[in-house]
Amino acid sequence: MQNNWKVLITDYAWPSIEPERQVLAEIGAELIAADTGDEAELLTLAPLMDGILTCWKPVRAPVIAAAEKCQIIGRCGIGLDNIDVEAATEHGIIVTNVPAYCIDEVSDHAMGLLLACARKISRYDRAVKSGTWEQNIGPTMRRIRGKTLGVVGFGRIARSIVPKAKAFGFTINVCSPRTDPELIQQSGAQKVSFSELLATSDFITVHAPLTAETQGMFGAAEFLAMKPTAYLVNTARGGIVDTAALTAALQNAEIAGAGVDVLETEPPEQNEKLLTLDNVVVTPHAAFMSEESILDLEVAAATCVAQVLMGKLPESVVNPSVLERSNLRANF
């Protein structure tokens, strides 16, 4: 197929981009990998590109403005906080994501962090490896069955965690202001306000997108409103939780502990105080990972780009208003 399309991938968190390359090669498109993915490099490459794929690197307004030929910006993931969707829409560029991948992985990881906190697994592991064989370290452990799990958000991953948590005997409360209470009730949970969720939960797991509304959603006041025996789990976005406030809450025993897969700054600074605390479990933004989920992600993200370049509507358009614009660049 004699097409001269070029597609940029700004960054990726997996060993190979051959799946993406193969999907795009089938329509005659060339995949080009950025060296650093920094904005200066993207500004140089963007004018040559018909499509852009990005994992974590920011694709902001200056890059979008420079991408004069670009028809689509595809997120290799679910969240969209690293893409200026509004700027893309103004320039007639479709933005896509992959909303249905890693549901099992992230909900499993959230439960894993919850269990690691509740059963002090990481703390025991560190103690034994350092020569301490002692059960009575850290906070008192309490039985999980009968406790209350608060779930923030009710997207695919949050809905997936409900049956897993119920299997452990949790009562489940959900804070999702825009979700119909009946839908939540049908899942075996109940809808509550954010203040009620803070006050009643023994564990809170965060599954909301990072938006202006959720930025810093968990700060000093929220930790004070939680039970001192409660645990926070975050596998969503680091910016939803104020790191300094979480660190202070853990140091001051305002909450019992936390399990986090995401941080405000990734990777964290070497002197990050949170990482020195015994009552926090930290993993390196890895909740989404498995061989199966990564392959699904690579193929799905690249397929969206291929569909747009071939004049087909992709499955996941996150800015549907762009389809009505006179400057829409895709040729449907």
C-alpha atoms as a PDB file:
ATOM      1  CA  MET A   1       0.000   0.000   0.000  1.00  0.00           C
ATOM      2  CA  GLN A   2       1.555   3.253  -1.171  1.00  0.00           C
ATOM      3  CA  ASN A   3       0.745   5.697   1.588  1.00  0.00           C
ATOM      4  CA  ASN A   4       3.232   8.102   3.093  1.00  0.00           C
ATOM      5  CA  TRP A   5       1.619   8.470   6.498  1.00  0.00           C
ATOM      6  CA  LYS A   6       3.890   8.982   9.474  1.00  0.00           C
ATOM      7  CA  VAL A   7       2.844   8.278  13.045  1.00  0.00           C
ATOM      8  CA  LEU A   8       4.844   9.410  16.067  1.00  0.00           C
ATOM      9  CA  ILE A   9       4.956   7.487  19.331  1.00  0.00           C
ATOM     10  CA  THR A  10       6.220   9.821  22.030  1.00  0.00           C
ATOM     11  CA  ASP A  11       7.032   7.153  24.636  1.00  0.00           C
ATOM     12  CA  TYR A  12       6.080   3.678  25.800  1.00  0.00           C
ATOM     13  CA  ALA A  13       6.418   1.539  28.937  1.00  0.00           C
ATOM     14  CA  TRP A  14       6.884  -1.864  27.289  1.00  0.00           C
ATOM     15  CA  PRO A  15       9.874  -3.606  25.706  1.00  0.00           C
ATOM     16  CA  SER A  16       8.838  -3.400  22.046  1.00  0.00           C
ATOM     17  CA  ILE A  17       6.576  -1.386  19.750  1.00  0.00           C
ATOM     18  CA  GLU A  18       6.419  -4.093  17.090  1.00  0.00           C
ATOM     19  CA  PRO A  19       2.657  -4.665  17.591  1.00  0.00           C
ATOM     20  CA  GLU A  20       1.990  -0.982  16.872  1.00  0.00           C
ATOM     21  CA  ARG A  21       4.403  -1.046  13.948  1.00  0.00           C
ATOM     22  CA  GLN A  22       2.673  -4.076  12.438  1.00  0.00           C
ATOM     23  CA  VAL A  23      -0.826  -2.602  12.765  1.00  0.00           C
ATOM     24  CA  LEU A  24       0.262   0.616  11.082  1.00  0.00           C
ATOM     25  CA  ALA A  25       2.341  -1.131   8.408  1.00  0.00           C
ATOM     26  CA  GLU A  26      -0.827  -2.857   7.207  1.00  0.00           C
ATOM     27  CA  ILE A  27      -2.133   0.524   6.029  1.00  0.00           C
ATOM     28  CA  GLY A  28       1.244   1.716   4.776  1.00  0.00           C
ATOM     29  CA  ALA A  29       1.992   4.002   7.706  1.00  0.00           C
ATOM     30  CA  GLU A  30       5.474   4.393   9.197  1.00  0.00           C
ATOM     31  CA  LEU A  31       5.860   4.427  12.986  1.00  0.00           C
ATOM     32  CA  ILE A  32       8.517   6.796  14.312  1.00  0.00           C
ATOM     33  CA  ALA A  33       9.656   6.606  17.946  1.00  0.00           C
ATOM     34  CA  ALA A  34      10.776   9.782  19.683  1.00  0.00           C
ATOM     35  CA  ASP A  35      14.157   9.651  21.383  1.00  0.00           C
ATOM     36  CA  THR A  36      13.205  11.554  24.527  1.00  0.00           C
ATOM     37  CA  GLY A  37       9.582  12.593  24.054  1.00  0.00           C
ATOM     38  CA  ASP A  38      10.418  15.997  25.511  1.00  0.00           C
ATOM     39  CA  GLU A  39       8.461  18.936  24.173  1.00  0.00           C
ATOM     40  CA  ALA A  40      11.409  20.407  22.266  1.00  0.00           C
ATOM     41  CA  GLU A  41      11.785  17.166  20.301  1.00  0.00           C
ATOM     42  CA  LEU A  42       8.039  16.818  19.776  1.00  0.00           C
ATOM     43  CA  LEU A  43       7.865  20.359  18.386  1.00  0.00           C
ATOM     44  CA  THR A  44      10.437  19.369  15.777  1.00  0.00           C
ATOM     45  CA  LEU A  45       8.749  16.109  14.814  1.00  0.00           C
ATOM     46  CA  ALA A  46       5.076  17.132  15.045  1.00  0.00           C
ATOM     47  CA  PRO A  47       4.816  19.013  11.701  1.00  0.00           C
ATOM     48  CA  LEU A  48       5.741  15.808   9.843  1.00  0.00           C
ATOM     49  CA  MET A  49       3.150  13.588  11.520  1.00  0.00           C
ATOM     50  CA  ASP A  50      -0.282  12.402  10.423  1.00  0.00           C
ATOM     51  CA  GLY A  51      -0.919  10.802  13.806  1.00  0.00           C
ATOM     52  CA  ILE A  52       0.528  10.805  17.308  1.00  0.00           C
ATOM     53  CA  LEU A  53       0.493   8.058  19.928  1.00  0.00           C
ATOM     54  CA  THR A  54       1.449   8.879  23.506  1.00  0.00           C
ATOM     55  CA  CYS A  55       1.733   6.965  26.742  1.00  0.00           C
ATOM     56  CA  TRP A  56       2.810   9.362  29.510  1.00  0.00           C
ATOM     57  CA  LYS A  57       4.610  12.214  27.748  1.00  0.00           C
ATOM     58  CA  PRO A  58       2.598  15.449  27.626  1.00  0.00           C
ATOM     59  CA  VAL A  59       1.112  16.485  24.291  1.00  0.00           C
ATOM     60  CA  ARG A  60       0.220  20.091  25.009  1.00  0.00           C
ATOM     61  CA  ALA A  61      -1.093  23.020  22.974  1.00  0.00           C
ATOM     62  CA  PRO A  62       2.263  24.074  21.425  1.00  0.00           C
ATOM     63  CA  VAL A  63       2.887  20.567  20.068  1.00  0.00           C
ATOM     64  CA  ILE A  64      -0.689  20.277  18.840  1.00  0.00           C
ATOM     65  CA  ALA A  65      -0.442  23.646  17.075  1.00  0.00           C
ATOM     66  CA  ALA A  66       2.775  22.514  15.376  1.00  0.00           C
ATOM     67  CA  ALA A  67       1.205  19.241  14.192  1.00  0.00           C
ATOM     68  CA  GLU A  68      -0.342  20.827  11.104  1.00  0.00           C
ATOM     69  CA  LYS A  69      -1.096  17.519   9.330  1.00  0.00           C
ATOM     70  CA  CYS A  70      -2.120  15.485  12.359  1.00  0.00           C
ATOM     71  CA  GLN A  71      -5.545  13.828  12.191  1.00  0.00           C
ATOM     72  CA  ILE A  72      -5.484  11.888  15.462  1.00  0.00           C
ATOM     73  CA  ILE A  73      -3.803  11.839  18.857  1.00  0.00           C
ATOM     74  CA  GLY A  74      -4.164   8.430  20.468  1.00  0.00           C
ATOM     75  CA  ARG A  75      -3.584   7.817  24.168  1.00  0.00           C
ATOM     76  CA  CYS A  76      -1.969   4.479  24.982  1.00  0.00           C
ATOM     77  CA  GLY A  77      -4.078   4.181  28.099  1.00  0.00           C
ATOM     78  CA  ILE A  78      -7.277   5.415  29.691  1.00  0.00           C
ATOM     79  CA  GLY A  79      -6.582   8.764  31.362  1.00  0.00           C
ATOM     80  CA  LEU A  80      -6.271  11.917  29.275  1.00  0.00           C
ATOM     81  CA  ASP A  81      -4.541  14.300  31.663  1.00  0.00           C
ATOM     82  CA  ASN A  82      -1.362  14.401  29.546  1.00  0.00           C
ATOM     83  CA  ILE A  83      -3.193  15.489  26.370  1.00  0.00           C
ATOM     84  CA  ASP A  84      -4.662  18.949  25.812  1.00  0.00           C
ATOM     85  CA  VAL A  85      -7.953  17.625  24.474  1.00  0.00           C
ATOM     86  CA  GLU A  86      -9.437  21.106  24.130  1.00  0.00           C
ATOM     87  CA  ALA A  87      -6.553  22.288  21.956  1.00  0.00           C
ATOM     88  CA  ALA A  88      -6.801  19.159  19.814  1.00  0.00           C
ATOM     89  CA  THR A  89     -10.523  19.757  19.311  1.00  0.00           C
ATOM     90  CA  GLU A  90      -9.915  23.380  18.301  1.00  0.00           C
ATOM     91  CA  HIS A  91      -7.478  22.177  15.646  1.00  0.00           C
ATOM     92  CA  GLY A  92      -9.889  19.539  14.322  1.00  0.00           C
ATOM     93  CA  ILE A  93      -7.889  16.604  15.667  1.00  0.00           C
ATOM     94  CA  ILE A  94      -9.608  13.474  16.964  1.00  0.00           C
ATOM     95  CA  VAL A  95      -8.427  12.198  20.360  1.00  0.00           C
ATOM     96  CA  THR A  96      -8.826   8.544  21.285  1.00  0.00           C
ATOM     97  CA  ASN A  97      -8.004   6.358  24.258  1.00  0.00           C
ATOM     98  CA  VAL A  98      -8.307   2.668  25.198  1.00  0.00           C
ATOM     99  CA  PRO A  99     -10.966   2.624  27.928  1.00  0.00           C
ATOM    100  CA  ALA A 100     -11.488  -1.130  28.144  1.00  0.00           C
ATOM    101  CA  TYR A 101      -7.974  -2.406  28.824  1.00  0.00           C
ATOM    102  CA  CYS A 102      -6.250  -3.415  32.093  1.00  0.00           C
ATOM    103  CA  ILE A 103      -9.543  -3.580  33.990  1.00  0.00           C
ATOM    104  CA  ASP A 104      -8.626  -6.884  35.617  1.00  0.00           C
ATOM    105  CA  GLU A 105      -5.037  -5.847  36.213  1.00  0.00           C
ATOM    106  CA  VAL A 106      -5.745  -2.545  37.970  1.00  0.00           C
ATOM    107  CA  SER A 107      -8.615  -3.868  40.074  1.00  0.00           C
ATOM    108  CA  ASP A 108      -6.440  -6.866  41.058  1.00  0.00           C
ATOM    109  CA  HIS A 109      -3.573  -4.513  41.915  1.00  0.00           C
ATOM    110  CA  ALA A 110      -5.840  -2.315  44.029  1.00  0.00           C
ATOM    111  CA  MET A 111      -6.976  -5.353  45.975  1.00  0.00           C
ATOM    112  CA  GLY A 112      -3.349  -6.460  46.275  1.00  0.00           C
ATOM    113  CA  LEU A 113      -2.326  -3.117  47.767  1.00  0.00           C
ATOM    114  CA  LEU A 114      -5.323  -3.235  50.089  1.00  0.00           C
ATOM    115  CA  LEU A 115      -4.379  -6.703  51.317  1.00  0.00           C
ATOM    116  CA  ALA A 116      -0.708  -5.755  51.635  1.00  0.00           C
ATOM    117  CA  CYS A 117      -1.747  -2.898  53.917  1.00  0.00           C
ATOM    118  CA  ALA A 118      -4.371  -4.786  55.901  1.00  0.00           C
ATOM    119  CA  ARG A 119      -2.151  -7.827  56.481  1.00  0.00           C
ATOM    120  CA  LYS A 120       1.130  -5.844  56.826  1.00  0.00           C
ATOM    121  CA  ILE A 121       2.687  -8.055  54.152  1.00  0.00           C
ATOM    122  CA  SER A 122       5.353  -5.591  52.984  1.00  0.00           C
ATOM    123  CA  ARG A 123       6.227  -4.594  56.534  1.00  0.00           C
ATOM    124  CA  TYR A 124       6.615  -8.223  57.623  1.00  0.00           C
ATOM    125  CA  ASP A 125       8.670  -8.986  54.519  1.00  0.00           C
ATOM    126  CA  ARG A 126      11.096  -6.130  55.238  1.00  0.00           C
ATOM    127  CA  ALA A 127      11.354  -7.086  58.906  1.00  0.00           C
ATOM    128  CA  VAL A 128      12.072 -10.763  58.270  1.00  0.00           C
ATOM    129  CA  LYS A 129      14.671  -9.978  55.620  1.00  0.00           C
ATOM    130  CA  SER A 130      16.398  -7.604  58.025  1.00  0.00           C
ATOM    131  CA  GLY A 131      16.578 -10.300  60.700  1.00  0.00           C
ATOM    132  CA  THR A 132      13.437  -9.573  62.752  1.00  0.00           C
ATOM    133  CA  TRP A 133      11.045 -12.488  63.322  1.00  0.00           C
ATOM    134  CA  GLU A 134       8.216 -10.725  65.114  1.00  0.00           C
ATOM    135  CA  GLN A 135       4.455 -10.661  64.576  1.00  0.00           C
ATOM    136  CA  ASN A 136       3.617  -7.647  66.753  1.00  0.00           C
ATOM    137  CA  ILE A 137       5.039  -4.852  64.643  1.00  0.00           C
ATOM    138  CA  GLY A 138       3.083  -1.931  63.300  1.00  0.00           C
ATOM    139  CA  PRO A 139      -0.622  -1.299  63.858  1.00  0.00           C
ATOM    140  CA  THR A 140      -2.986  -3.951  65.172  1.00  0.00           C
ATOM    141  CA  MET A 141      -4.470  -6.074  62.395  1.00  0.00           C
ATOM    142  CA  ARG A 142      -8.232  -6.372  62.102  1.00  0.00           C
ATOM    143  CA  ARG A 143     -10.363  -8.877  60.266  1.00  0.00           C
ATOM    144  CA  ILE A 144     -11.330  -7.709  56.774  1.00  0.00           C
ATOM    145  CA  ARG A 145     -14.724  -9.399  56.616  1.00  0.00           C
ATOM    146  CA  GLY A 146     -17.439  -7.010  57.692  1.00  0.00           C
ATOM    147  CA  LYS A 147     -15.399  -3.878  57.066  1.00  0.00           C
ATOM    148  CA  THR A 148     -16.480  -1.035  54.761  1.00  0.00           C
ATOM    149  CA  LEU A 149     -14.722  -0.292  51.475  1.00  0.00           C
ATOM    150  CA  GLY A 150     -15.226   3.165  49.987  1.00  0.00           C
ATOM    151  CA  VAL A 151     -14.835   3.373  46.200  1.00  0.00           C
ATOM    152  CA  VAL A 152     -14.199   6.750  44.559  1.00  0.00           C
ATOM    153  CA  GLY A 153     -15.518   6.730  40.995  1.00  0.00           C
ATOM    154  CA  PHE A 154     -17.582   4.121  39.203  1.00  0.00           C
ATOM    155  CA  GLY A 155     -15.978   3.503  35.839  1.00  0.00           C
ATOM    156  CA  ARG A 156     -15.040   0.114  34.436  1.00  0.00           C
ATOM    157  CA  ILE A 157     -12.234  -0.535  36.931  1.00  0.00           C
ATOM    158  CA  ALA A 158     -14.257   0.576  39.940  1.00  0.00           C
ATOM    159  CA  ARG A 159     -17.155  -1.621  38.843  1.00  0.00           C
ATOM    160  CA  SER A 160     -14.737  -4.519  38.432  1.00  0.00           C
ATOM    161  CA  ILE A 161     -13.465  -4.219  41.988  1.00  0.00           C
ATOM    162  CA  VAL A 162     -16.925  -4.529  43.570  1.00  0.00           C
ATOM    163  CA  PRO A 163     -17.361  -8.316  43.160  1.00  0.00           C
ATOM    164  CA  LYS A 164     -13.741  -8.911  44.154  1.00  0.00           C
ATOM    165  CA  ALA A 165     -14.179  -6.898  47.338  1.00  0.00           C
ATOM    166  CA  LYS A 166     -17.524  -8.520  48.100  1.00  0.00           C
ATOM    167  CA  ALA A 167     -15.807 -11.919  47.980  1.00  0.00           C
ATOM    168  CA  PHE A 168     -13.726 -10.754  50.967  1.00  0.00           C
ATOM    169  CA  GLY A 169     -16.865  -9.755  52.858  1.00  0.00           C
ATOM    170  CA  PHE A 170     -16.722  -5.995  52.418  1.00  0.00           C
ATOM    171  CA  THR A 171     -19.690  -3.682  52.587  1.00  0.00           C
ATOM    172  CA  ILE A 172     -19.150  -1.314  49.662  1.00  0.00           C
ATOM    173  CA  ASN A 173     -19.964   2.388  49.441  1.00  0.00           C
ATOM    174  CA  VAL A 174     -19.433   4.329  46.223  1.00  0.00           C
ATOM    175  CA  CYS A 175     -18.917   8.059  45.736  1.00  0.00           C
ATOM    176  CA  SER A 176     -19.670   8.924  42.117  1.00  0.00           C
ATOM    177  CA  PRO A 177     -21.812  12.065  41.930  1.00  0.00           C
ATOM    178  CA  ARG A 178     -22.899  11.616  38.299  1.00  0.00           C
ATOM    179  CA  THR A 179     -23.783   7.913  38.521  1.00  0.00           C
ATOM    180  CA  ASP A 180     -27.371   6.730  38.920  1.00  0.00           C
ATOM    181  CA  PRO A 181     -27.796   5.266  42.439  1.00  0.00           C
ATOM    182  CA  GLU A 182     -29.749   2.340  40.981  1.00  0.00           C
ATOM    183  CA  LEU A 183     -26.787   1.343  38.806  1.00  0.00           C
ATOM    184  CA  ILE A 184     -24.559   1.290  41.881  1.00  0.00           C
ATOM    185  CA  GLN A 185     -27.148  -0.622  43.882  1.00  0.00           C
ATOM    186  CA  GLN A 186     -27.470  -3.225  41.116  1.00  0.00           C
ATOM    187  CA  SER A 187     -23.758  -3.961  41.532  1.00  0.00           C
ATOM    188  CA  GLY A 188     -24.246  -4.734  45.224  1.00  0.00           C
ATOM    189  CA  ALA A 189     -22.990  -1.406  46.542  1.00  0.00           C
ATOM    190  CA  GLN A 190     -24.636   1.815  47.681  1.00  0.00           C
ATOM    191  CA  LYS A 191     -24.096   5.428  46.676  1.00  0.00           C
ATOM    192  CA  VAL A 192     -22.905   7.848  49.350  1.00  0.00           C
ATOM    193  CA  SER A 193     -21.610  11.399  49.515  1.00  0.00           C
ATOM    194  CA  PHE A 194     -17.880  12.072  49.655  1.00  0.00           C
ATOM    195  CA  SER A 195     -18.109  13.206  53.286  1.00  0.00           C
ATOM    196  CA  GLU A 196     -19.955  10.021  54.242  1.00  0.00           C
ATOM    197  CA  LEU A 197     -17.438   7.898  52.388  1.00  0.00           C
ATOM    198  CA  LEU A 198     -14.572   9.540  54.279  1.00  0.00           C
ATOM    199  CA  ALA A 199     -16.238   9.109  57.646  1.00  0.00           C
ATOM    200  CA  THR A 200     -17.422   5.513  57.287  1.00  0.00           C
ATOM    201  CA  SER A 201     -14.758   3.709  55.237  1.00  0.00           C
ATOM    202  CA  ASP A 202     -12.197   1.338  56.690  1.00  0.00           C
ATOM    203  CA  PHE A 203     -10.481   1.295  53.306  1.00  0.00           C
ATOM    204  CA  ILE A 204     -10.801   3.756  50.414  1.00  0.00           C
ATOM    205  CA  THR A 205      -9.775   2.880  46.872  1.00  0.00           C
ATOM    206  CA  VAL A 206      -9.502   5.650  44.259  1.00  0.00           C
ATOM    207  CA  HIS A 207     -10.648   5.048  40.679  1.00  0.00           C
ATOM    208  CA  ALA A 208     -11.409   8.543  39.384  1.00  0.00           C
ATOM    209  CA  PRO A 209      -9.770  10.370  36.473  1.00  0.00           C
ATOM    210  CA  LEU A 210      -7.477  13.317  37.172  1.00  0.00           C
ATOM    211  CA  THR A 211      -9.438  16.473  36.361  1.00  0.00           C
ATOM    212  CA  ALA A 212      -9.646  20.003  37.717  1.00  0.00           C
ATOM    213  CA  GLU A 213     -12.386  18.671  39.994  1.00  0.00           C
ATOM    214  CA  THR A 214     -10.373  15.764  41.415  1.00  0.00           C
ATOM    215  CA  GLN A 215      -6.946  17.445  41.599  1.00  0.00           C
ATOM    216  CA  GLY A 216      -5.886  17.305  45.246  1.00  0.00           C
ATOM    217  CA  MET A 217      -9.169  15.640  46.183  1.00  0.00           C
ATOM    218  CA  PHE A 218      -7.448  13.990  49.155  1.00  0.00           C
ATOM    219  CA  GLY A 219      -5.721  16.624  51.254  1.00  0.00           C
ATOM    220  CA  ALA A 220      -5.174  17.422  54.916  1.00  0.00           C
ATOM    221  CA  ALA A 221      -8.860  17.996  55.693  1.00  0.00           C
ATOM    222  CA  GLU A 222      -9.910  14.755  54.039  1.00  0.00           C
ATOM    223  CA  PHE A 223      -7.368  12.693  55.963  1.00  0.00           C
ATOM    224  CA  LEU A 224      -8.567  14.220  59.220  1.00  0.00           C
ATOM    225  CA  ALA A 225     -12.115  13.240  58.252  1.00  0.00           C
ATOM    226  CA  MET A 226     -11.119   9.584  57.794  1.00  0.00           C
ATOM    227  CA  LYS A 227     -10.980   7.000  60.550  1.00  0.00           C
ATOM    228  CA  PRO A 228      -7.533   6.781  62.201  1.00  0.00           C
ATOM    229  CA  THR A 229      -7.696   3.029  61.462  1.00  0.00           C
ATOM    230  CA  ALA A 230      -8.460   3.557  57.743  1.00  0.00           C
ATOM    231  CA  TYR A 231      -6.258   2.891  54.720  1.00  0.00           C
ATOM    232  CA  LEU A 232      -6.101   4.725  51.398  1.00  0.00           C
ATOM    233  CA  VAL A 233      -5.363   2.903  48.121  1.00  0.00           C
ATOM    234  CA  ASN A 234      -4.659   4.875  44.937  1.00  0.00           C
ATOM    235  CA  THR A 235      -4.184   3.204  41.561  1.00  0.00           C
ATOM    236  CA  ALA A 236      -5.712   6.096  39.578  1.00  0.00           C
ATOM    237  CA  ARG A 237      -3.577   9.241  39.303  1.00  0.00           C
ATOM    238  CA  GLY A 238      -1.047  10.685  41.726  1.00  0.00           C
ATOM    239  CA  GLY A 239      -2.434  14.209  41.459  1.00  0.00           C
ATOM    240  CA  ILE A 240      -5.692  13.158  43.113  1.00  0.00           C
ATOM    241  CA  VAL A 241      -3.811  12.791  46.413  1.00  0.00           C
ATOM    242  CA  ASP A 242      -1.737  15.587  47.950  1.00  0.00           C
ATOM    243  CA  THR A 243       1.544  13.797  48.660  1.00  0.00           C
ATOM    244  CA  ALA A 244       2.657  16.166  51.424  1.00  0.00           C
ATOM    245  CA  ALA A 245      -0.730  15.853  53.152  1.00  0.00           C
ATOM    246  CA  LEU A 246      -0.655  12.057  52.846  1.00  0.00           C
ATOM    247  CA  THR A 247       2.857  11.946  54.284  1.00  0.00           C
ATOM    248  CA  ALA A 248       1.821  14.099  57.241  1.00  0.00           C
ATOM    249  CA  ALA A 249      -1.319  12.027  57.830  1.00  0.00           C
ATOM    250  CA  LEU A 250       0.727   8.828  57.906  1.00  0.00           C
ATOM    251  CA  GLN A 251       3.390  10.336  60.167  1.00  0.00           C
ATOM    252  CA  ASN A 252       0.777  11.711  62.571  1.00  0.00           C
ATOM    253  CA  ALA A 253      -1.302   8.503  62.631  1.00  0.00           C
ATOM    254  CA  GLU A 254      -4.313  10.355  61.223  1.00  0.00           C
ATOM    255  CA  ILE A 255      -4.826   7.266  59.031  1.00  0.00           C
ATOM    256  CA  ALA A 256      -3.331   3.806  59.482  1.00  0.00           C
ATOM    257  CA  GLY A 257      -1.624   3.416  56.147  1.00  0.00           C
ATOM    258  CA  ALA A 258      -1.709   3.673  52.379  1.00  0.00           C
ATOM    259  CA  GLY A 259      -0.999   1.679  49.252  1.00  0.00           C
ATOM    260  CA  VAL A 260      -0.173   3.744  46.171  1.00  0.00           C
ATOM    261  CA  ASP A 261       0.768   2.847  42.628  1.00  0.00           C
ATOM    262  CA  VAL A 262       0.833   6.471  41.449  1.00  0.00           C
ATOM    263  CA  LEU A 263       2.495   9.628  42.730  1.00  0.00           C
ATOM    264  CA  GLU A 264       2.273  13.339  41.991  1.00  0.00           C
ATOM    265  CA  THR A 265       5.839  13.238  40.688  1.00  0.00           C
ATOM    266  CA  GLU A 266       6.936  10.129  38.772  1.00  0.00           C
ATOM    267  CA  PRO A 267       9.524   8.889  39.338  1.00  0.00           C
ATOM    268  CA  PRO A 268       9.683  10.423  42.841  1.00  0.00           C
ATOM    269  CA  GLU A 269      12.534  12.602  44.030  1.00  0.00           C
ATOM    270  CA  GLN A 270      15.253  10.691  45.891  1.00  0.00           C
ATOM    271  CA  ASN A 271      14.452  12.565  49.095  1.00  0.00           C
ATOM    272  CA  GLU A 272      10.689  11.907  48.940  1.00  0.00           C
ATOM    273  CA  LYS A 273       9.650  11.491  52.599  1.00  0.00           C
ATOM    274  CA  LEU A 274       6.691   9.285  51.749  1.00  0.00           C
ATOM    275  CA  LEU A 275       9.060   6.520  50.667  1.00  0.00           C
ATOM    276  CA  THR A 276      10.719   6.394  54.099  1.00  0.00           C
ATOM    277  CA  LEU A 277       7.535   5.472  55.970  1.00  0.00           C
ATOM    278  CA  ASP A 278       6.774   1.946  57.141  1.00  0.00           C
ATOM    279  CA  ASN A 279       3.004   2.335  56.824  1.00  0.00           C
ATOM    280  CA  VAL A 280       2.898   2.906  53.070  1.00  0.00           C
ATOM    281  CA  VAL A 281       3.276   0.402  50.222  1.00  0.00           C
ATOM    282  CA  VAL A 282       4.455   1.906  46.925  1.00  0.00           C
ATOM    283  CA  THR A 283       4.598   0.336  43.470  1.00  0.00           C
ATOM    284  CA  PRO A 284       5.973   2.095  40.333  1.00  0.00           C
ATOM    285  CA  HIS A 285       2.803   2.876  38.336  1.00  0.00           C
ATOM    286  CA  ALA A 286       2.679  -0.785  37.356  1.00  0.00           C
ATOM    287  CA  ALA A 287      -0.949  -1.684  38.092  1.00  0.00           C
ATOM    288  CA  PHE A 288      -1.823  -1.805  34.397  1.00  0.00           C
ATOM    289  CA  MET A 289       0.855  -4.304  33.478  1.00  0.00           C
ATOM    290  CA  SER A 290       0.530  -7.876  32.271  1.00  0.00           C
ATOM    291  CA  GLU A 291       1.585  -9.464  29.008  1.00  0.00           C
ATOM    292  CA  GLU A 292      -2.022  -9.693  27.959  1.00  0.00           C
ATOM    293  CA  SER A 293      -3.032  -6.147  28.875  1.00  0.00           C
ATOM    294  CA  ILE A 294      -0.001  -4.568  27.214  1.00  0.00           C
ATOM    295  CA  LEU A 295      -0.589  -6.396  23.940  1.00  0.00           C
ATOM    296  CA  ASP A 296      -4.270  -5.426  24.050  1.00  0.00           C
ATOM    297  CA  LEU A 297      -3.265  -1.823  24.633  1.00  0.00           C
ATOM    298  CA  GLU A 298      -0.679  -1.643  21.870  1.00  0.00           C
ATOM    299  CA  VAL A 299      -2.972  -3.141  19.256  1.00  0.00           C
ATOM    300  CA  ALA A 300      -6.042  -1.139  20.283  1.00  0.00           C
ATOM    301  CA  ALA A 301      -4.251   2.225  20.397  1.00  0.00           C
ATOM    302  CA  ALA A 302      -2.573   1.687  17.032  1.00  0.00           C
ATOM    303  CA  THR A 303      -5.816   0.419  15.490  1.00  0.00           C
ATOM    304  CA  CYS A 304      -7.562   3.685  16.386  1.00  0.00           C
ATOM    305  CA  VAL A 305      -4.876   5.603  14.518  1.00  0.00           C
ATOM    306  CA  ALA A 306      -5.091   3.274  11.533  1.00  0.00           C
ATOM    307  CA  GLN A 307      -8.878   3.597  11.417  1.00  0.00           C
ATOM    308  CA  VAL A 308      -8.796   7.387  11.342  1.00  0.00           C
ATOM    309  CA  LEU A 309      -6.099   7.534   8.667  1.00  0.00           C
ATOM    310  CA  MET A 310      -8.163   5.138   6.549  1.00  0.00           C
ATOM    311  CA  GLY A 311     -11.229   7.331   6.884  1.00  0.00           C
ATOM    312  CA  LYS A 312     -13.035   5.173   9.439  1.00  0.00           C
ATOM    313  CA  LEU A 313     -14.541   6.269  12.734  1.00  0.00           C
ATOM    314  CA  PRO A 314     -12.574   4.718  15.632  1.00  0.00           C
ATOM    315  CA  GLU A 315     -14.289   2.982  18.521  1.00  0.00           C
ATOM    316  CA  SER A 316     -13.251   5.470  21.196  1.00  0.00           C
ATOM    317  CA  VAL A 317     -13.502   9.191  20.374  1.00  0.00           C
ATOM    318  CA  VAL A 318     -13.119  11.160  23.599  1.00  0.00           C
ATOM    319  CA  ASN A 319     -13.871  14.540  21.955  1.00  0.00           C
ATOM    320  CA  PRO A 320     -16.940  13.735  19.825  1.00  0.00           C
ATOM    321  CA  SER A 321     -17.711  17.423  19.268  1.00  0.00           C
ATOM    322  CA  VAL A 322     -14.724  17.534  16.916  1.00  0.00           C
ATOM    323  CA  LEU A 323     -16.699  15.447  14.427  1.00  0.00           C
ATOM    324  CA  GLU A 324     -19.045  18.402  13.856  1.00  0.00           C
ATOM    325  CA  ARG A 325     -16.313  20.945  13.268  1.00  0.00           C
ATOM    326  CA  SER A 326     -15.683  22.425   9.831  1.00  0.00           C
ATOM    327  CA  ASN A 327     -11.925  22.024  10.347  1.00  0.00           C
ATOM    328  CA  LEU A 328     -12.075  18.292  11.112  1.00  0.00           C
ATOM    329  CA  ARG A 329      -8.911  16.866   9.586  1.00  0.00           C
ATOM    330  CA  ALA A 330     -10.049  13.240   9.299  1.00  0.00           C
ATOM    331  CA  ASN A 331     -11.579  12.354   5.938  1.00  0.00           C
ATOM    332  CA  PHE A 332     -14.728  10.416   6.784  1.00  0.00           C
END
